[in-house]
Amino acid sequence: MRSSKKSLSPDAKPAEAVCVARQFYCTEGYMPENSVGYLMRRVLTAVAQEIERQLEPVDLTNAQWIPLFKLFMGKASTVAELARECQLDAGAMTRLLDRLEAKGLCHRVRSVEDRRVVNIELTDEGRSVAAGIPEVLCRVQNAHLAGFSDDEFQALKGFLRRILDNAQAQTPPTSGGSHEA
């Protein structure tokens, strides 16, 4: 009889995994600071900190510019959509929107068709601030890619996409059947 305990062993991977992963890491002598995950996290942290530093003049934190920009880009229009898009729970999104509203960047409007739905609209100032975000993102990311050739940049994106594809292949499918493309 098999144990019902969850396993962290390699055979615990989903059956649909097509390729067998090469063993780049082993437990003996494992050094977290040499792992790809650790390095990616360090890069993400450095980029996020610099973006936040450069957005200080418009009084936006890293947590605040992301939903503001997603609204600007039309990725969401309701509180529920924005929470899903930002991978936040409803309570955290409500607190974040409270801060953005207090800064005069957006406001919430209850839907007249369905009172359960709360729409979010950017103010003129919110649109103006959000319109400046791509300049900061480009500047910060380009600075972090200094010294890369065009081919190296394309290769890096390809490697990261492959890692993401591998990660998504490890994630069990959700019930409901629809997948984002």
C-alpha atoms as a PDB file:
ATOM      1  CA  MET A   1       0.000   0.000   0.000  1.00  0.00           C
ATOM      2  CA  ARG A   2       1.335   3.430  -0.958  1.00  0.00           C
ATOM      3  CA  SER A   3       1.701   6.153   1.599  1.00  0.00           C
ATOM      4  CA  SER A   4      -0.558   9.181   1.231  1.00  0.00           C
ATOM      5  CA  LYS A   5       2.337  11.492   2.136  1.00  0.00           C
ATOM      6  CA  LYS A   6       3.343  14.017  -0.485  1.00  0.00           C
ATOM      7  CA  SER A   7       6.774  13.350  -1.909  1.00  0.00           C
ATOM      8  CA  LEU A   8       9.476  15.736  -3.035  1.00  0.00           C
ATOM      9  CA  SER A   9      11.127  13.017  -5.100  1.00  0.00           C
ATOM     10  CA  PRO A  10      11.661  13.338  -8.879  1.00  0.00           C
ATOM     11  CA  ASP A  11       8.934  10.749  -9.556  1.00  0.00           C
ATOM     12  CA  ALA A  12       6.365  13.134  -8.050  1.00  0.00           C
ATOM     13  CA  LYS A  13       6.329  15.192 -11.268  1.00  0.00           C
ATOM     14  CA  PRO A  14       3.222  15.334 -13.483  1.00  0.00           C
ATOM     15  CA  ALA A  15       2.884  12.560 -16.052  1.00  0.00           C
ATOM     16  CA  GLU A  16       2.694  15.050 -18.912  1.00  0.00           C
ATOM     17  CA  ALA A  17       6.291  16.201 -18.427  1.00  0.00           C
ATOM     18  CA  VAL A  18       7.826  15.334 -21.798  1.00  0.00           C
ATOM     19  CA  CYS A  19      11.541  15.817 -21.151  1.00  0.00           C
ATOM     20  CA  VAL A  20      13.533  14.360 -18.328  1.00  0.00           C
ATOM     21  CA  ALA A  21      15.326  17.153 -16.523  1.00  0.00           C
ATOM     22  CA  ARG A  22      19.065  16.911 -16.335  1.00  0.00           C
ATOM     23  CA  GLN A  23      20.370  16.856 -12.787  1.00  0.00           C
ATOM     24  CA  PHE A  24      22.265  20.160 -12.531  1.00  0.00           C
ATOM     25  CA  TYR A  25      22.031  20.171  -8.738  1.00  0.00           C
ATOM     26  CA  CYS A  26      22.697  17.539  -6.103  1.00  0.00           C
ATOM     27  CA  THR A  27      22.181  17.617  -2.362  1.00  0.00           C
ATOM     28  CA  GLU A  28      25.853  17.143  -1.528  1.00  0.00           C
ATOM     29  CA  GLY A  29      27.597  20.480  -1.659  1.00  0.00           C
ATOM     30  CA  TYR A  30      24.434  22.365  -2.647  1.00  0.00           C
ATOM     31  CA  MET A  31      25.085  26.111  -2.523  1.00  0.00           C
ATOM     32  CA  PRO A  32      21.906  28.209  -2.746  1.00  0.00           C
ATOM     33  CA  GLU A  33      23.826  31.271  -3.968  1.00  0.00           C
ATOM     34  CA  ASN A  34      24.786  29.277  -7.090  1.00  0.00           C
ATOM     35  CA  SER A  35      21.230  28.238  -7.949  1.00  0.00           C
ATOM     36  CA  VAL A  36      19.358  29.720 -10.889  1.00  0.00           C
ATOM     37  CA  GLY A  37      16.340  30.443  -8.677  1.00  0.00           C
ATOM     38  CA  TYR A  38      18.444  32.372  -6.175  1.00  0.00           C
ATOM     39  CA  LEU A  39      20.099  34.389  -8.946  1.00  0.00           C
ATOM     40  CA  MET A  40      16.751  35.177 -10.593  1.00  0.00           C
ATOM     41  CA  ARG A  41      15.321  36.295  -7.243  1.00  0.00           C
ATOM     42  CA  ARG A  42      18.358  38.567  -6.675  1.00  0.00           C
ATOM     43  CA  VAL A  43      17.921  40.105 -10.139  1.00  0.00           C
ATOM     44  CA  LEU A  44      14.185  40.644  -9.582  1.00  0.00           C
ATOM     45  CA  THR A  45      14.845  42.239  -6.201  1.00  0.00           C
ATOM     46  CA  ALA A  46      17.518  44.556  -7.622  1.00  0.00           C
ATOM     47  CA  VAL A  47      15.266  45.614 -10.511  1.00  0.00           C
ATOM     48  CA  ALA A  48      12.261  46.171  -8.199  1.00  0.00           C
ATOM     49  CA  GLN A  49      14.321  48.258  -5.772  1.00  0.00           C
ATOM     50  CA  GLU A  50      15.675  50.462  -8.565  1.00  0.00           C
ATOM     51  CA  ILE A  51      12.227  50.918 -10.110  1.00  0.00           C
ATOM     52  CA  GLU A  52      10.871  51.951  -6.716  1.00  0.00           C
ATOM     53  CA  ARG A  53      13.796  54.346  -6.210  1.00  0.00           C
ATOM     54  CA  GLN A  54      13.150  55.964  -9.582  1.00  0.00           C
ATOM     55  CA  LEU A  55       9.401  56.244  -8.912  1.00  0.00           C
ATOM     56  CA  GLU A  56       9.945  58.055  -5.602  1.00  0.00           C
ATOM     57  CA  PRO A  57       9.415  61.476  -7.247  1.00  0.00           C
ATOM     58  CA  VAL A  58       5.844  60.466  -8.137  1.00  0.00           C
ATOM     59  CA  ASP A  59       5.338  58.833  -4.710  1.00  0.00           C
ATOM     60  CA  LEU A  60       4.778  55.285  -5.961  1.00  0.00           C
ATOM     61  CA  THR A  61       6.017  52.143  -4.257  1.00  0.00           C
ATOM     62  CA  ASN A  62       6.778  48.902  -6.054  1.00  0.00           C
ATOM     63  CA  ALA A  63       3.468  47.490  -4.804  1.00  0.00           C
ATOM     64  CA  GLN A  64       1.545  50.527  -6.114  1.00  0.00           C
ATOM     65  CA  TRP A  65       2.961  51.081  -9.584  1.00  0.00           C
ATOM     66  CA  ILE A  66       2.106  47.558 -10.756  1.00  0.00           C
ATOM     67  CA  PRO A  67      -1.703  47.757 -10.369  1.00  0.00           C
ATOM     68  CA  LEU A  68      -1.687  51.376 -11.544  1.00  0.00           C
ATOM     69  CA  PHE A  69       0.122  50.343 -14.728  1.00  0.00           C
ATOM     70  CA  LYS A  70      -2.122  47.299 -15.235  1.00  0.00           C
ATOM     71  CA  LEU A  71      -5.166  49.595 -15.075  1.00  0.00           C
ATOM     72  CA  PHE A  72      -3.517  51.978 -17.531  1.00  0.00           C
ATOM     73  CA  MET A  73      -2.763  49.100 -19.920  1.00  0.00           C
ATOM     74  CA  GLY A  74      -6.365  47.870 -19.750  1.00  0.00           C
ATOM     75  CA  LYS A  75      -5.430  44.533 -18.133  1.00  0.00           C
ATOM     76  CA  ALA A  76      -8.212  44.954 -15.564  1.00  0.00           C
ATOM     77  CA  SER A  77     -11.128  47.271 -14.835  1.00  0.00           C
ATOM     78  CA  THR A  78     -12.661  45.836 -11.676  1.00  0.00           C
ATOM     79  CA  VAL A  79     -11.287  45.255  -8.194  1.00  0.00           C
ATOM     80  CA  ALA A  80     -11.655  41.482  -8.619  1.00  0.00           C
ATOM     81  CA  GLU A  81      -9.874  41.458 -12.005  1.00  0.00           C
ATOM     82  CA  LEU A  82      -7.061  43.637 -10.697  1.00  0.00           C
ATOM     83  CA  ALA A  83      -6.605  41.430  -7.628  1.00  0.00           C
ATOM     84  CA  ARG A  84      -6.325  38.354  -9.870  1.00  0.00           C
ATOM     85  CA  GLU A  85      -3.992  40.129 -12.303  1.00  0.00           C
ATOM     86  CA  CYS A  86      -1.717  41.272  -9.450  1.00  0.00           C
ATOM     87  CA  GLN A  87      -2.008  37.913  -7.648  1.00  0.00           C
ATOM     88  CA  LEU A  88      -3.294  39.565  -4.473  1.00  0.00           C
ATOM     89  CA  ASP A  89      -6.204  38.676  -2.245  1.00  0.00           C
ATOM     90  CA  ALA A  90      -9.211  40.993  -2.122  1.00  0.00           C
ATOM     91  CA  GLY A  91      -8.209  42.484   1.248  1.00  0.00           C
ATOM     92  CA  ALA A  92      -4.699  43.380   0.098  1.00  0.00           C
ATOM     93  CA  MET A  93      -6.065  44.890  -3.119  1.00  0.00           C
ATOM     94  CA  THR A  94      -8.588  46.961  -1.161  1.00  0.00           C
ATOM     95  CA  ARG A  95      -5.823  48.384   1.069  1.00  0.00           C
ATOM     96  CA  LEU A  96      -3.644  49.106  -1.961  1.00  0.00           C
ATOM     97  CA  LEU A  97      -6.515  50.869  -3.760  1.00  0.00           C
ATOM     98  CA  ASP A  98      -7.192  52.901  -0.601  1.00  0.00           C
ATOM     99  CA  ARG A  99      -3.629  54.265  -0.872  1.00  0.00           C
ATOM    100  CA  LEU A 100      -3.883  54.927  -4.621  1.00  0.00           C
ATOM    101  CA  GLU A 101      -7.209  56.710  -4.107  1.00  0.00           C
ATOM    102  CA  ALA A 102      -5.752  58.800  -1.265  1.00  0.00           C
ATOM    103  CA  LYS A 103      -3.024  59.903  -3.699  1.00  0.00           C
ATOM    104  CA  GLY A 104      -5.702  60.924  -6.214  1.00  0.00           C
ATOM    105  CA  LEU A 105      -4.596  58.363  -8.845  1.00  0.00           C
ATOM    106  CA  CYS A 106      -7.801  56.341  -9.159  1.00  0.00           C
ATOM    107  CA  HIS A 107     -11.283  55.964  -7.785  1.00  0.00           C
ATOM    108  CA  ARG A 108     -13.701  53.081  -7.340  1.00  0.00           C
ATOM    109  CA  VAL A 109     -17.163  53.199  -8.871  1.00  0.00           C
ATOM    110  CA  ARG A 110     -19.851  50.661  -8.070  1.00  0.00           C
ATOM    111  CA  SER A 111     -21.395  49.161 -11.217  1.00  0.00           C
ATOM    112  CA  VAL A 112     -24.988  50.212 -11.905  1.00  0.00           C
ATOM    113  CA  GLU A 113     -25.656  46.873 -13.648  1.00  0.00           C
ATOM    114  CA  ASP A 114     -24.358  44.703 -10.797  1.00  0.00           C
ATOM    115  CA  ARG A 115     -23.859  46.293  -7.372  1.00  0.00           C
ATOM    116  CA  ARG A 116     -21.442  43.497  -6.407  1.00  0.00           C
ATOM    117  CA  VAL A 117     -18.976  44.722  -9.044  1.00  0.00           C
ATOM    118  CA  VAL A 118     -16.653  47.605  -8.259  1.00  0.00           C
ATOM    119  CA  ASN A 119     -14.977  49.242 -11.239  1.00  0.00           C
ATOM    120  CA  ILE A 120     -11.728  51.163 -10.957  1.00  0.00           C
ATOM    121  CA  GLU A 121     -11.102  54.284 -12.990  1.00  0.00           C
ATOM    122  CA  LEU A 122      -7.855  56.195 -13.268  1.00  0.00           C
ATOM    123  CA  THR A 123      -7.995  59.907 -12.621  1.00  0.00           C
ATOM    124  CA  ASP A 124      -6.294  62.306 -15.037  1.00  0.00           C
ATOM    125  CA  GLU A 125      -3.342  62.398 -12.631  1.00  0.00           C
ATOM    126  CA  GLY A 126      -3.340  58.589 -12.451  1.00  0.00           C
ATOM    127  CA  ARG A 127      -3.208  58.341 -16.251  1.00  0.00           C
ATOM    128  CA  SER A 128      -0.406  60.895 -16.360  1.00  0.00           C
ATOM    129  CA  VAL A 129       1.667  59.094 -13.709  1.00  0.00           C
ATOM    130  CA  ALA A 130       1.019  55.678 -15.301  1.00  0.00           C
ATOM    131  CA  ALA A 131       2.040  56.992 -18.725  1.00  0.00           C
ATOM    132  CA  GLY A 132       5.516  57.706 -17.308  1.00  0.00           C
ATOM    133  CA  ILE A 133       6.033  54.197 -15.929  1.00  0.00           C
ATOM    134  CA  PRO A 134       7.274  52.593 -19.196  1.00  0.00           C
ATOM    135  CA  GLU A 135      10.123  55.111 -19.384  1.00  0.00           C
ATOM    136  CA  VAL A 136      11.294  54.082 -15.900  1.00  0.00           C
ATOM    137  CA  LEU A 137      10.875  50.359 -16.653  1.00  0.00           C
ATOM    138  CA  CYS A 138      12.881  50.642 -19.872  1.00  0.00           C
ATOM    139  CA  ARG A 139      15.622  52.706 -18.253  1.00  0.00           C
ATOM    140  CA  VAL A 140      16.018  50.323 -15.296  1.00  0.00           C
ATOM    141  CA  GLN A 141      15.900  47.141 -17.356  1.00  0.00           C
ATOM    142  CA  ASN A 142      18.315  48.503 -19.965  1.00  0.00           C
ATOM    143  CA  ALA A 143      20.746  49.465 -17.192  1.00  0.00           C
ATOM    144  CA  HIS A 144      20.591  45.917 -15.817  1.00  0.00           C
ATOM    145  CA  LEU A 145      21.311  44.551 -19.305  1.00  0.00           C
ATOM    146  CA  ALA A 146      24.350  46.784 -19.888  1.00  0.00           C
ATOM    147  CA  GLY A 147      27.050  44.958 -21.839  1.00  0.00           C
ATOM    148  CA  PHE A 148      24.724  42.364 -23.376  1.00  0.00           C
ATOM    149  CA  SER A 149      24.812  41.943 -27.139  1.00  0.00           C
ATOM    150  CA  ASP A 150      21.552  41.646 -29.094  1.00  0.00           C
ATOM    151  CA  ASP A 151      22.166  37.899 -29.482  1.00  0.00           C
ATOM    152  CA  GLU A 152      22.832  37.488 -25.757  1.00  0.00           C
ATOM    153  CA  PHE A 153      19.651  39.418 -24.933  1.00  0.00           C
ATOM    154  CA  GLN A 154      17.584  37.195 -27.260  1.00  0.00           C
ATOM    155  CA  ALA A 155      19.236  34.056 -25.841  1.00  0.00           C
ATOM    156  CA  LEU A 156      18.550  35.178 -22.263  1.00  0.00           C
ATOM    157  CA  LYS A 157      14.861  35.736 -23.059  1.00  0.00           C
ATOM    158  CA  GLY A 158      14.726  32.311 -24.708  1.00  0.00           C
ATOM    159  CA  PHE A 159      16.313  30.634 -21.678  1.00  0.00           C
ATOM    160  CA  LEU A 160      13.918  32.373 -19.292  1.00  0.00           C
ATOM    161  CA  ARG A 161      10.927  31.403 -21.440  1.00  0.00           C
ATOM    162  CA  ARG A 162      12.127  27.782 -21.406  1.00  0.00           C
ATOM    163  CA  ILE A 163      12.444  27.842 -17.599  1.00  0.00           C
ATOM    164  CA  LEU A 164       8.931  29.323 -17.401  1.00  0.00           C
ATOM    165  CA  ASP A 165       7.582  26.639 -19.758  1.00  0.00           C
ATOM    166  CA  ASN A 166       9.224  23.960 -17.592  1.00  0.00           C
ATOM    167  CA  ALA A 167       7.698  25.531 -14.473  1.00  0.00           C
ATOM    168  CA  GLN A 168       4.255  25.606 -16.074  1.00  0.00           C
ATOM    169  CA  ALA A 169       4.615  21.954 -17.097  1.00  0.00           C
ATOM    170  CA  GLN A 170       5.203  21.111 -13.407  1.00  0.00           C
ATOM    171  CA  THR A 171       2.007  22.873 -12.319  1.00  0.00           C
ATOM    172  CA  PRO A 172      -0.989  20.552 -12.175  1.00  0.00           C
ATOM    173  CA  PRO A 173      -3.825  21.697 -14.454  1.00  0.00           C
ATOM    174  CA  THR A 174      -6.657  23.549 -12.769  1.00  0.00           C
ATOM    175  CA  SER A 175     -10.222  22.372 -13.071  1.00  0.00           C
ATOM    176  CA  GLY A 176     -12.211  24.487 -15.456  1.00  0.00           C
ATOM    177  CA  GLY A 177     -10.226  23.695 -18.562  1.00  0.00           C
ATOM    178  CA  SER A 178      -9.322  27.186 -19.753  1.00  0.00           C
ATOM    179  CA  HIS A 179      -5.699  28.221 -19.942  1.00  0.00           C
ATOM    180  CA  GLU A 180      -4.324  31.644 -20.731  1.00  0.00           C
ATOM    181  CA  ALA A 181      -2.203  31.855 -23.839  1.00  0.00           C
END
